[in-house]
C-alpha atoms as a PDB file:
ATOM      1  CA  MET A   1     152.320  68.012 105.764  1.00  0.00           C
ATOM      2  CA  LYS A   2     153.586  71.457 105.444  1.00  0.00           C
ATOM      3  CA  ALA A   3     150.763  74.175 106.617  1.00  0.00           C
ATOM      4  CA  LEU A   4     150.950  78.079 106.523  1.00  0.00           C
ATOM      5  CA  VAL A   5     148.971  79.638 108.830  1.00  0.00           C
ATOM      6  CA  THR A   6     147.956  83.509 108.222  1.00  0.00           C
ATOM      7  CA  GLY A   7     146.482  85.334 111.336  1.00  0.00           C
ATOM      8  CA  GLY A   8     147.835  82.396 113.551  1.00  0.00           C
ATOM      9  CA  THR A   9     147.864  84.472 116.612  1.00  0.00           C
ATOM     10  CA  GLY A  10     144.097  85.339 116.370  1.00  0.00           C
ATOM     11  CA  PHE A  11     141.382  83.796 118.445  1.00  0.00           C
ATOM     12  CA  ILE A  12     140.570  81.383 115.599  1.00  0.00           C
ATOM     13  CA  GLY A  13     144.391  81.014 114.418  1.00  0.00           C
ATOM     14  CA  ARG A  14     145.575  80.032 117.782  1.00  0.00           C
ATOM     15  CA  ARG A  15     142.927  77.182 118.316  1.00  0.00           C
ATOM     16  CA  LEU A  16     143.934  76.160 114.577  1.00  0.00           C
ATOM     17  CA  THR A  17     147.529  76.215 114.885  1.00  0.00           C
ATOM     18  CA  ALA A  18     147.280  74.269 117.882  1.00  0.00           C
ATOM     19  CA  GLU A  19     145.488  71.252 116.527  1.00  0.00           C
ATOM     20  CA  LEU A  20     147.664  71.316 113.293  1.00  0.00           C
ATOM     21  CA  LEU A  21     150.460  70.848 115.623  1.00  0.00           C
ATOM     22  CA  ARG A  22     148.858  68.348 117.648  1.00  0.00           C
ATOM     23  CA  ARG A  23     148.266  66.262 114.352  1.00  0.00           C
ATOM     24  CA  GLY A  24     151.590  66.265 113.529  1.00  0.00           C
ATOM     25  CA  ASN A  25     152.032  68.745 110.940  1.00  0.00           C
ATOM     26  CA  HIS A  26     154.612  71.217 110.275  1.00  0.00           C
ATOM     27  CA  VAL A  27     153.330  74.727 110.708  1.00  0.00           C
ATOM     28  CA  ARG A  28     154.728  78.060 109.857  1.00  0.00           C
ATOM     29  CA  CYS A  29     152.879  81.529 110.819  1.00  0.00           C
ATOM     30  CA  LEU A  30     153.468  84.617 108.568  1.00  0.00           C
ATOM     31  CA  LEU A  31     153.626  87.230 111.241  1.00  0.00           C
ATOM     32  CA  ARG A  32     153.944  91.174 111.811  1.00  0.00           C
ATOM     33  CA  ARG A  33     154.820  90.788 115.609  1.00  0.00           C
ATOM     34  CA  PRO A  34     155.350  87.567 116.861  1.00  0.00           C
ATOM     35  CA  ARG A  35     153.970  86.898 120.080  1.00  0.00           C
ATOM     36  CA  ARG A  36     152.293  84.149 121.901  1.00  0.00           C
ATOM     37  CA  VAL A  37     153.684  81.510 119.504  1.00  0.00           C
ATOM     38  CA  PRO A  38     153.214  78.237 120.294  1.00  0.00           C
ATOM     39  CA  ASP A  39     156.741  75.634 120.443  1.00  0.00           C
ATOM     40  CA  GLY A  40     157.270  74.236 117.601  1.00  0.00           C
ATOM     41  CA  VAL A  41     155.709  77.084 114.999  1.00  0.00           C
ATOM     42  CA  GLU A  42     158.072  78.318 112.460  1.00  0.00           C
ATOM     43  CA  VAL A  43     157.768  82.138 112.282  1.00  0.00           C
ATOM     44  CA  VAL A  44     158.204  84.252 109.014  1.00  0.00           C
ATOM     45  CA  HIS A  45     158.160  87.870 109.994  1.00  0.00           C
ATOM     46  CA  GLY A  46     155.810  89.872 107.444  1.00  0.00           C
ATOM     47  CA  ASP A  47     152.162  90.234 106.376  1.00  0.00           C
ATOM     48  CA  VAL A  48     149.816  89.160 103.705  1.00  0.00           C
ATOM     49  CA  MET A  49     150.685  92.895 101.921  1.00  0.00           C
ATOM     50  CA  ASP A  50     154.492  92.266 101.539  1.00  0.00           C
ATOM     51  CA  ASP A  51     155.242  89.745  98.904  1.00  0.00           C
ATOM     52  CA  ARG A  52     158.886  88.971  99.479  1.00  0.00           C
ATOM     53  CA  ALA A  53     157.408  88.089 102.885  1.00  0.00           C
ATOM     54  CA  LEU A  54     154.616  85.603 101.328  1.00  0.00           C
ATOM     55  CA  GLN A  55     157.338  84.028  98.972  1.00  0.00           C
ATOM     56  CA  ARG A  56     159.135  82.990 101.968  1.00  0.00           C
ATOM     57  CA  ALA A  57     156.394  81.498 103.731  1.00  0.00           C
ATOM     58  CA  LEU A  58     155.042  79.951 100.732  1.00  0.00           C
ATOM     59  CA  ASP A  59     158.493  77.918 100.090  1.00  0.00           C
ATOM     60  CA  GLY A  60     157.657  74.155  99.912  1.00  0.00           C
ATOM     61  CA  THR A  61     153.962  74.749 101.525  1.00  0.00           C
ATOM     62  CA  ASP A  62     151.380  72.150 101.350  1.00  0.00           C
ATOM     63  CA  VAL A  63     148.363  73.965 102.338  1.00  0.00           C
ATOM     64  CA  VAL A  64     147.787  77.553 103.312  1.00  0.00           C
ATOM     65  CA  TYR A  65     144.901  78.445 106.018  1.00  0.00           C
ATOM     66  CA  HIS A  66     144.172  81.836 105.317  1.00  0.00           C
ATOM     67  CA  LEU A  67     142.685  83.338 108.200  1.00  0.00           C
ATOM     68  CA  ALA A  68     144.265  87.195 108.551  1.00  0.00           C
ATOM     69  CA  GLY A  69     142.074  89.919 107.863  1.00  0.00           C
ATOM     70  CA  ALA A  70     141.225  93.440 109.072  1.00  0.00           C
ATOM     71  CA  THR A  71     138.358  93.160 111.354  1.00  0.00           C
ATOM     72  CA  LEU A  72     139.620  95.956 114.299  1.00  0.00           C
ATOM     73  CA  VAL A  73     140.259  99.122 111.778  1.00  0.00           C
ATOM     74  CA  ARG A  74     140.672 102.750 112.138  1.00  0.00           C
ATOM     75  CA  HIS A  75     139.281 103.668 108.730  1.00  0.00           C
ATOM     76  CA  PRO A  76     136.484 101.365 106.657  1.00  0.00           C
ATOM     77  CA  LEU A  77     139.171 101.751 103.576  1.00  0.00           C
ATOM     78  CA  TYR A  78     141.322  99.126 105.677  1.00  0.00           C
ATOM     79  CA  TYR A  79     138.868  96.558 104.829  1.00  0.00           C
ATOM     80  CA  LYS A  80     139.411  96.844 101.403  1.00  0.00           C
ATOM     81  CA  ARG A  81     143.178  97.175 101.675  1.00  0.00           C
ATOM     82  CA  VAL A  82     143.341  94.089 103.694  1.00  0.00           C
ATOM     83  CA  ASN A  83     140.596  91.657 103.447  1.00  0.00           C
ATOM     84  CA  GLY A  84     140.744  92.678  99.277  1.00  0.00           C
ATOM     85  CA  GLY A  85     144.173  93.746  98.340  1.00  0.00           C
ATOM     86  CA  GLY A  86     145.720  90.994 100.475  1.00  0.00           C
ATOM     87  CA  THR A  87     144.030  88.214  99.495  1.00  0.00           C
ATOM     88  CA  ARG A  88     144.755  89.094  96.095  1.00  0.00           C
ATOM     89  CA  LEU A  89     148.252  89.363  96.461  1.00  0.00           C
ATOM     90  CA  LEU A  90     148.228  85.850  98.543  1.00  0.00           C
ATOM     91  CA  ALA A  91     146.239  84.360  95.564  1.00  0.00           C
ATOM     92  CA  GLU A  92     148.835  85.611  92.976  1.00  0.00           C
ATOM     93  CA  ALA A  93     151.514  84.344  94.687  1.00  0.00           C
ATOM     94  CA  CYS A  94     149.967  81.174  95.583  1.00  0.00           C
ATOM     95  CA  ALA A  95     149.831  80.814  91.376  1.00  0.00           C
ATOM     96  CA  ARG A  96     153.803  81.721  91.073  1.00  0.00           C
ATOM     97  CA  GLN A  97     154.461  78.772  93.161  1.00  0.00           C
ATOM     98  CA  PRO A  98     155.737  75.608  90.991  1.00  0.00           C
ATOM     99  CA  ASN A  99     153.662  73.591  93.112  1.00  0.00           C
ATOM    100  CA  PRO A 100     150.739  75.807  93.979  1.00  0.00           C
ATOM    101  CA  PRO A 101     149.255  74.792  97.384  1.00  0.00           C
ATOM    102  CA  VAL A 102     145.654  73.866  98.499  1.00  0.00           C
ATOM    103  CA  VAL A 103     144.268  77.364 100.079  1.00  0.00           C
ATOM    104  CA  VAL A 104     141.845  77.395 102.484  1.00  0.00           C
ATOM    105  CA  TYR A 105     140.025  80.827 103.151  1.00  0.00           C
ATOM    106  CA  LEU A 106     137.989  81.923 106.263  1.00  0.00           C
ATOM    107  CA  SER A 107     135.481  84.253 104.971  1.00  0.00           C
ATOM    108  CA  SER A 108     132.407  85.699 106.604  1.00  0.00           C
ATOM    109  CA  LEU A 109     128.638  85.259 106.385  1.00  0.00           C
ATOM    110  CA  ALA A 110     128.721  88.793 106.124  1.00  0.00           C
ATOM    111  CA  VAL A 111     129.339  88.126 102.107  1.00  0.00           C
ATOM    112  CA  ALA A 112     126.028  86.966 101.719  1.00  0.00           C
ATOM    113  CA  GLY A 113     123.983  89.506 103.737  1.00  0.00           C
ATOM    114  CA  PRO A 114     121.311  89.326 105.989  1.00  0.00           C
ATOM    115  CA  SER A 115     118.718  86.954 105.393  1.00  0.00           C
ATOM    116  CA  PRO A 116     115.036  87.521 105.405  1.00  0.00           C
ATOM    117  CA  SER A 117     113.024  86.080 108.069  1.00  0.00           C
ATOM    118  CA  GLY A 118     112.700  82.146 107.941  1.00  0.00           C
ATOM    119  CA  HIS A 119     115.157  81.906 104.759  1.00  0.00           C
ATOM    120  CA  PRO A 120     118.436  81.170 105.951  1.00  0.00           C
ATOM    121  CA  ARG A 121     121.099  82.134 103.170  1.00  0.00           C
ATOM    122  CA  THR A 122     122.260  79.806 101.168  1.00  0.00           C
ATOM    123  CA  GLU A 123     125.741  79.545  98.968  1.00  0.00           C
ATOM    124  CA  ASP A 124     123.939  79.688  95.498  1.00  0.00           C
ATOM    125  CA  ASP A 125     122.253  83.110  96.878  1.00  0.00           C
ATOM    126  CA  LEU A 126     123.205  86.380  95.183  1.00  0.00           C
ATOM    127  CA  PRO A 127     125.857  88.045  97.965  1.00  0.00           C
ATOM    128  CA  ARG A 128     124.431  90.812  99.281  1.00  0.00           C
ATOM    129  CA  PRO A 129     126.544  92.374 101.852  1.00  0.00           C
ATOM    130  CA  VAL A 130     125.522  95.904 103.675  1.00  0.00           C
ATOM    131  CA  SER A 131     128.796  96.545 105.059  1.00  0.00           C
ATOM    132  CA  HIS A 132     132.606  97.440 104.362  1.00  0.00           C
ATOM    133  CA  TYR A 133     133.729  94.552 105.967  1.00  0.00           C
ATOM    134  CA  GLY A 134     131.542  92.165 104.237  1.00  0.00           C
ATOM    135  CA  ARG A 135     132.064  93.652 100.741  1.00  0.00           C
ATOM    136  CA  SER A 136     135.954  92.996 101.593  1.00  0.00           C
ATOM    137  CA  LYS A 137     135.621  89.488 102.198  1.00  0.00           C
ATOM    138  CA  LEU A 138     133.685  89.403  98.723  1.00  0.00           C
ATOM    139  CA  ALA A 139     136.420  90.873  97.011  1.00  0.00           C
ATOM    140  CA  GLY A 140     138.897  88.559  98.674  1.00  0.00           C
ATOM    141  CA  GLU A 141     136.812  85.672  97.429  1.00  0.00           C
ATOM    142  CA  ARG A 142     136.860  86.864  94.266  1.00  0.00           C
ATOM    143  CA  ALA A 143     140.422  87.391  94.106  1.00  0.00           C
ATOM    144  CA  LEU A 144     140.816  83.737  94.951  1.00  0.00           C
ATOM    145  CA  GLN A 145     138.191  82.867  92.259  1.00  0.00           C
ATOM    146  CA  ALA A 146     140.503  84.758  89.523  1.00  0.00           C
ATOM    147  CA  VAL A 147     143.233  82.347  90.169  1.00  0.00           C
ATOM    148  CA  ALA A 148     141.316  79.047  90.356  1.00  0.00           C
ATOM    149  CA  PRO A 149     142.331  77.497  87.449  1.00  0.00           C
ATOM    150  CA  ARG A 150     145.711  77.566  88.708  1.00  0.00           C
ATOM    151  CA  VAL A 151     145.296  77.060  92.555  1.00  0.00           C
ATOM    152  CA  PRO A 152     142.908  74.413  94.211  1.00  0.00           C
ATOM    153  CA  VAL A 153     140.994  76.951  96.759  1.00  0.00           C
ATOM    154  CA  SER A 154     137.916  76.040  99.124  1.00  0.00           C
ATOM    155  CA  VAL A 155     136.015  78.777 101.027  1.00  0.00           C
ATOM    156  CA  LEU A 156     134.474  78.334 104.286  1.00  0.00           C
ATOM    157  CA  ARG A 157     131.930  81.487 105.120  1.00  0.00           C
ATOM    158  CA  ALA A 158     131.455  81.321 109.151  1.00  0.00           C
ATOM    159  CA  PRO A 159     128.897  83.326 110.802  1.00  0.00           C
ATOM    160  CA  GLY A 160     129.044  84.462 114.810  1.00  0.00           C
ATOM    161  CA  VAL A 161     132.143  82.299 115.851  1.00  0.00           C
ATOM    162  CA  PHE A 162     132.663  81.768 119.789  1.00  0.00           C
ATOM    163  CA  GLY A 163     134.497  80.255 122.015  1.00  0.00           C
ATOM    164  CA  PRO A 164     137.061  80.561 124.799  1.00  0.00           C
ATOM    165  CA  GLY A 165     139.321  83.797 124.186  1.00  0.00           C
ATOM    166  CA  ASP A 166     136.946  85.870 121.969  1.00  0.00           C
ATOM    167  CA  ALA A 167     136.590  89.349 123.242  1.00  0.00           C
ATOM    168  CA  ASN A 168     132.795  89.844 122.057  1.00  0.00           C
ATOM    169  CA  LEU A 169     131.847  86.717 123.710  1.00  0.00           C
ATOM    170  CA  LEU A 170     133.489  88.148 127.172  1.00  0.00           C
ATOM    171  CA  LYS A 171     131.449  91.544 126.688  1.00  0.00           C
ATOM    172  CA  LEU A 172     128.162  89.494 126.378  1.00  0.00           C
ATOM    173  CA  MET A 173     129.177  87.370 129.112  1.00  0.00           C
ATOM    174  CA  LYS A 174     129.596  90.727 131.485  1.00  0.00           C
ATOM    175  CA  ALA A 175     126.747  91.919 130.432  1.00  0.00           C
ATOM    176  CA  ALA A 176     124.713  88.642 131.193  1.00  0.00           C
ATOM    177  CA  ARG A 177     126.652  88.718 134.287  1.00  0.00           C
ATOM    178  CA  MET A 178     125.488  92.134 135.508  1.00  0.00           C
ATOM    179  CA  GLY A 179     121.920  91.139 134.152  1.00  0.00           C
ATOM    180  CA  LEU A 180     121.810  94.261 131.519  1.00  0.00           C
ATOM    181  CA  LEU A 181     121.770  94.029 127.629  1.00  0.00           C
ATOM    182  CA  VAL A 182     121.767  96.942 125.212  1.00  0.00           C
ATOM    183  CA  VAL A 183     120.534  96.033 121.893  1.00  0.00           C
ATOM    184  CA  PRO A 184     119.506  97.796 118.559  1.00  0.00           C
ATOM    185  CA  ARG A 185     115.736  97.572 118.118  1.00  0.00           C
ATOM    186  CA  GLN A 186     116.302  94.620 116.044  1.00  0.00           C
ATOM    187  CA  GLY A 187     117.675  92.339 119.109  1.00  0.00           C
ATOM    188  CA  ASN A 188     115.374  89.749 118.493  1.00  0.00           C
ATOM    189  CA  GLU A 189     116.648  88.608 114.858  1.00  0.00           C
ATOM    190  CA  GLN A 190     118.106  85.086 114.526  1.00  0.00           C
ATOM    191  CA  LEU A 191     121.900  84.789 114.125  1.00  0.00           C
ATOM    192  CA  SER A 192     124.032  82.060 112.985  1.00  0.00           C
ATOM    193  CA  TRP A 193     126.708  80.456 115.549  1.00  0.00           C
ATOM    194  CA  ILE A 194     129.530  78.220 115.435  1.00  0.00           C
ATOM    195  CA  TYR A 195     131.579  77.011 118.033  1.00  0.00           C
ATOM    196  CA  VAL A 196     135.794  78.098 117.539  1.00  0.00           C
ATOM    197  CA  ASP A 197     136.529  74.278 117.394  1.00  0.00           C
ATOM    198  CA  ASP A 198     134.013  73.212 115.163  1.00  0.00           C
ATOM    199  CA  LEU A 199     135.363  75.902 112.820  1.00  0.00           C
ATOM    200  CA  VAL A 200     138.696  74.467 113.382  1.00  0.00           C
ATOM    201  CA  GLU A 201     137.598  70.934 112.198  1.00  0.00           C
ATOM    202  CA  ALA A 202     135.652  72.473 108.990  1.00  0.00           C
ATOM    203  CA  LEU A 203     138.803  74.198 107.992  1.00  0.00           C
ATOM    204  CA  LEU A 204     140.850  71.291 108.220  1.00  0.00           C
ATOM    205  CA  VAL A 205     138.509  68.830 106.677  1.00  0.00           C
ATOM    206  CA  ALA A 206     137.992  71.773 104.053  1.00  0.00           C
ATOM    207  CA  ALA A 207     141.642  71.318 103.305  1.00  0.00           C
ATOM    208  CA  GLN A 208     141.566  67.428 102.737  1.00  0.00           C
ATOM    209  CA  ARG A 209     138.426  66.810 100.577  1.00  0.00           C
ATOM    210  CA  GLY A 210     136.756  70.131  99.962  1.00  0.00           C
ATOM    211  CA  ARG A 211     135.592  70.743  96.499  1.00  0.00           C
ATOM    212  CA  ARG A 212     137.698  73.416  95.036  1.00  0.00           C
ATOM    213  CA  LEU A 213     136.738  76.776  93.268  1.00  0.00           C
ATOM    214  CA  GLU A 214     135.879  76.944  89.623  1.00  0.00           C
ATOM    215  CA  SER A 215     136.192  80.418  87.574  1.00  0.00           C
ATOM    216  CA  ALA A 216     132.271  81.224  87.695  1.00  0.00           C
ATOM    217  CA  GLY A 217     129.454  79.457  89.977  1.00  0.00           C
ATOM    218  CA  THR A 218     129.502  78.699  93.830  1.00  0.00           C
ATOM    219  CA  ALA A 219     131.108  75.420  93.919  1.00  0.00           C
ATOM    220  CA  GLY A 220     134.170  75.125  96.579  1.00  0.00           C
ATOM    221  CA  ILE A 221     132.202  77.633  98.670  1.00  0.00           C
ATOM    222  CA  TYR A 222     130.607  76.182 102.312  1.00  0.00           C
ATOM    223  CA  PHE A 223     128.635  77.624 104.802  1.00  0.00           C
ATOM    224  CA  VAL A 224     129.632  76.299 108.123  1.00  0.00           C
ATOM    225  CA  ALA A 225     127.154  76.800 111.184  1.00  0.00           C
ATOM    226  CA  LEU A 226     125.169  75.032 113.753  1.00  0.00           C
ATOM    227  CA  GLU A 227     121.608  74.033 112.868  1.00  0.00           C
ATOM    228  CA  GLN A 228     120.116  76.168 115.795  1.00  0.00           C
ATOM    229  CA  THR A 229     120.015  79.699 115.758  1.00  0.00           C
ATOM    230  CA  ALA A 230     119.878  82.366 118.220  1.00  0.00           C
ATOM    231  CA  SER A 231     119.125  85.700 118.987  1.00  0.00           C
ATOM    232  CA  LEU A 232     121.496  88.041 120.861  1.00  0.00           C
ATOM    233  CA  ILE A 233     118.729  88.111 123.586  1.00  0.00           C
ATOM    234  CA  GLU A 234     118.400  84.359 123.791  1.00  0.00           C
ATOM    235  CA  ALA A 235     122.107  83.954 123.435  1.00  0.00           C
ATOM    236  CA  ALA A 236     122.169  86.331 126.870  1.00  0.00           C
ATOM    237  CA  GLN A 237     119.498  84.640 128.590  1.00  0.00           C
ATOM    238  CA  LEU A 238     121.350  81.523 127.848  1.00  0.00           C
ATOM    239  CA  ALA A 239     124.905  83.096 129.088  1.00  0.00           C
ATOM    240  CA  GLY A 240     123.333  84.628 131.960  1.00  0.00           C
ATOM    241  CA  THR A 241     121.599  81.296 133.553  1.00  0.00           C
ATOM    242  CA  LEU A 242     124.358  79.570 133.164  1.00  0.00           C
ATOM    243  CA  GLN A 243     126.093  82.182 135.728  1.00  0.00           C
ATOM    244  CA  ASP A 244     123.189  81.939 137.717  1.00  0.00           C
ATOM    245  CA  ARG A 245     121.595  85.175 136.633  1.00  0.00           C
ATOM    246  CA  PRO A 246     118.424  83.910 135.034  1.00  0.00           C
ATOM    247  CA  ALA A 247     116.875  87.547 134.513  1.00  0.00           C
ATOM    248  CA  VAL A 248     118.381  89.520 132.150  1.00  0.00           C
ATOM    249  CA  ARG A 249     117.029  92.757 131.281  1.00  0.00           C
ATOM    250  CA  VAL A 250     117.201  94.372 127.747  1.00  0.00           C
ATOM    251  CA  VAL A 251     117.204  97.854 126.797  1.00  0.00           C
ATOM    252  CA  TYR A 252     116.513  98.502 123.280  1.00  0.00           C
ATOM    253  CA  ALA A 253     118.600 101.363 121.630  1.00  0.00           C
ATOM    254  CA  PRO A 254     116.758 103.509 118.692  1.00  0.00           C
ATOM    255  CA  PRO A 255     118.574 102.770 115.237  1.00  0.00           C
ATOM    256  CA  LEU A 256     118.877 106.417 114.983  1.00  0.00           C
ATOM    257  CA  LEU A 257     121.056 106.461 117.928  1.00  0.00           C
ATOM    258  CA  CYS A 258     122.921 103.500 117.341  1.00  0.00           C
ATOM    259  CA  LEU A 259     124.203 104.920 113.855  1.00  0.00           C
ATOM    260  CA  PHE A 260     124.857 108.198 115.658  1.00  0.00           C
ATOM    261  CA  GLY A 261     126.979 106.791 118.197  1.00  0.00           C
ATOM    262  CA  GLY A 262     128.917 104.486 115.635  1.00  0.00           C
ATOM    263  CA  HIS A 263     129.578 107.940 113.526  1.00  0.00           C
ATOM    264  CA  VAL A 264     131.100 109.193 116.710  1.00  0.00           C
ATOM    265  CA  ILE A 265     133.174 106.074 117.405  1.00  0.00           C
ATOM    266  CA  ASP A 266     134.473 106.293 113.698  1.00  0.00           C
ATOM    267  CA  LEU A 267     135.774 109.897 114.160  1.00  0.00           C
ATOM    268  CA  TRP A 268     137.072 108.856 117.813  1.00  0.00           C
ATOM    269  CA  ASN A 269     139.194 105.947 115.858  1.00  0.00           C
ATOM    270  CA  THR A 270     140.261 108.359 113.062  1.00  0.00           C
ATOM    271  CA  LEU A 271     141.757 110.989 115.255  1.00  0.00           C
ATOM    272  CA  THR A 272     143.279 108.871 117.890  1.00  0.00           C
ATOM    273  CA  GLY A 273     144.615 106.559 115.756  1.00  0.00           C
ATOM    274  CA  GLN A 274     142.632 103.613 117.581  1.00  0.00           C
ATOM    275  CA  ALA A 275     140.508 100.656 116.613  1.00  0.00           C
ATOM    276  CA  ARG A 276     137.575  99.387 118.548  1.00  0.00           C
ATOM    277  CA  LEU A 277     135.300  96.182 118.316  1.00  0.00           C
ATOM    278  CA  MET A 278     132.182  98.195 117.334  1.00  0.00           C
ATOM    279  CA  ASN A 279     132.442 100.685 115.081  1.00  0.00           C
ATOM    280  CA  ARG A 280     129.667 102.575 112.159  1.00  0.00           C
ATOM    281  CA  ASP A 281     130.029  99.083 109.803  1.00  0.00           C
ATOM    282  CA  LYS A 282     129.191  96.775 112.794  1.00  0.00           C
ATOM    283  CA  ILE A 283     126.527  98.809 113.584  1.00  0.00           C
ATOM    284  CA  ARG A 284     124.991  98.888 109.877  1.00  0.00           C
ATOM    285  CA  GLU A 285     125.452  95.026 110.282  1.00  0.00           C
ATOM    286  CA  GLY A 286     123.576  94.702 113.630  1.00  0.00           C
ATOM    287  CA  LEU A 287     120.591  96.820 112.178  1.00  0.00           C
ATOM    288  CA  ALA A 288     120.181  94.815 108.962  1.00  0.00           C
ATOM    289  CA  GLY A 289     118.465  92.125 110.452  1.00  0.00           C
ATOM    290  CA  SER A 290     118.614  88.505 111.062  1.00  0.00           C
ATOM    291  CA  TRP A 291     121.941  86.582 109.929  1.00  0.00           C
ATOM    292  CA  THR A 292     121.194  82.887 109.450  1.00  0.00           C
ATOM    293  CA  CYS A 293     122.563  80.516 107.065  1.00  0.00           C
ATOM    294  CA  ARG A 294     122.069  76.686 106.001  1.00  0.00           C
ATOM    295  CA  ALA A 295     125.150  74.501 106.060  1.00  0.00           C
ATOM    296  CA  ASP A 296     123.685  71.509 104.205  1.00  0.00           C
ATOM    297  CA  ARG A 297     126.692  71.546 101.454  1.00  0.00           C
ATOM    298  CA  ALA A 298     129.082  71.297 103.973  1.00  0.00           C
ATOM    299  CA  ARG A 299     127.566  68.419 105.539  1.00  0.00           C
ATOM    300  CA  GLU A 300     126.385  66.611 102.507  1.00  0.00           C
ATOM    301  CA  GLU A 301     130.320  67.224 100.662  1.00  0.00           C
ATOM    302  CA  LEU A 302     132.514  67.641 103.800  1.00  0.00           C
ATOM    303  CA  GLY A 303     130.555  65.025 106.035  1.00  0.00           C
ATOM    304  CA  HIS A 304     130.675  68.316 108.669  1.00  0.00           C
ATOM    305  CA  VAL A 305     128.443  68.451 111.257  1.00  0.00           C
ATOM    306  CA  CYS A 306     128.653  70.750 114.200  1.00  0.00           C
ATOM    307  CA  GLN A 307     129.249  68.630 117.446  1.00  0.00           C
ATOM    308  CA  ILE A 308     128.994  71.855 119.871  1.00  0.00           C
ATOM    309  CA  SER A 309     125.816  73.260 120.717  1.00  0.00           C
ATOM    310  CA  LEU A 310     125.348  77.069 121.853  1.00  0.00           C
ATOM    311  CA  ILE A 311     124.534  76.172 125.239  1.00  0.00           C
ATOM    312  CA  GLU A 312     127.653  73.544 125.531  1.00  0.00           C
ATOM    313  CA  GLY A 313     129.901  76.234 124.088  1.00  0.00           C
ATOM    314  CA  LEU A 314     128.908  78.875 126.519  1.00  0.00           C
ATOM    315  CA  ARG A 315     129.621  76.719 129.458  1.00  0.00           C
ATOM    316  CA  ARG A 316     132.776  75.941 128.090  1.00  0.00           C
ATOM    317  CA  SER A 317     133.870  79.513 127.609  1.00  0.00           C
ATOM    318  CA  ILE A 318     132.331  80.398 130.741  1.00  0.00           C
ATOM    319  CA  ASP A 319     134.244  78.020 132.658  1.00  0.00           C
ATOM    320  CA  TRP A 320     137.400  79.389 130.717  1.00  0.00           C
ATOM    321  CA  TYR A 321     136.841  82.527 131.971  1.00  0.00           C
ATOM    322  CA  ARG A 322     136.078  81.998 135.143  1.00  0.00           C
ATOM    323  CA  GLN A 323     139.272  79.769 135.439  1.00  0.00           C
ATOM    324  CA  ARG A 324     141.613  82.795 134.238  1.00  0.00           C
ATOM    325  CA  GLY A 325     139.767  85.594 136.415  1.00  0.00           C
ATOM    326  CA  TRP A 326     137.984  87.350 133.506  1.00  0.00           C
ATOM    327  CA  LEU A 327     134.521  86.650 135.069  1.00  0.00           C
END
C-alpha cells in the first residue's frame, strides 16, 4: 500500500507514519520543512496550497491521510485559507488522478459544535460550529463531499486528542503537578477524549472499510472517542493523582476576562507574527459548554472501540514526559 500523509510531522501524524511503516506500507509525506522524518519515509517538498507539489505527492498513491491543518495561527483567516481552501485543493487534485486514492480526512468535534448537557453530538446532528477553526474544518468536509462521486472519502471527527508529545497535555500535566489549574467559569463541563494511538487505529480502519461520503447526507462521517467523558478539572485531578499531587486547586476565571485576554493574545500575535496555543478562537470554544460525542457509528460500521482509558493514557503520557525530563 502506498500512503500519503499530510501533516506527517505533527503530534498525530508522527504516530500514524510510524504505524504505517511498522505495517510494511510505503509512506510518503508532503512537508514544507522536512524534519524529524523517520527512516524509510519518502518526502515531497511542499504543502496543500501548492498544486504542483500535490500532483507529485499523489502520483501512484493508494490512500491519503489528510491530517495537515492550521491549529496555531497568527490571524483567524488562516484557518479558512488552510483548513478550508487547502482541503479543497487536495480534493480537486485527488479527483484529477486517473485512479483517485481513498482519502481519510481528520476533522474535529469543533465542526459539530458544543453539546447540550447530557446530549452528546451524533453524526446526524446539524453542524453548529462556534469558532473560526470549527467553521474551517466544516468547509474542508464540504470540499471533500463535493468530489465524493469521484473520490472515495471517509471523515473522522475527533474530540480532544491526548498522548505523549502533545503540547496542550503537557501544560495540563504541569498545572496538575503544581496543584493549580485556571479554568473558565464552565470548567466543570464534560469533554470527550481519545488517546492518540486509538485515533491512529481508527484512521487505518476507516481507510480499509469505512463507508464513503455521498453527495448529500452524513454517510461516511464518524465520531471517534472514548465512551467515558471528563471535565478539564476531572482530567487535571487524575493527572495530579498520578503525579502524587492529589489535591489540585481550581481557580475560575470570569468569561469576560477570558475573552479580553484572548483579544490581547490575538493582537500580540498580529503584531509579532507569532502564534500561540491559546487565542480568542480557542477561548470561545472553551466558554461554549460541553463538548461530547457518541461513537456508536464507528463501533457498528468500523468495529472500532477505543482501547486506552483516560487514566491509562494519562499514565502513559506522564511516564513518557518524565523519561525525557519534561516533567
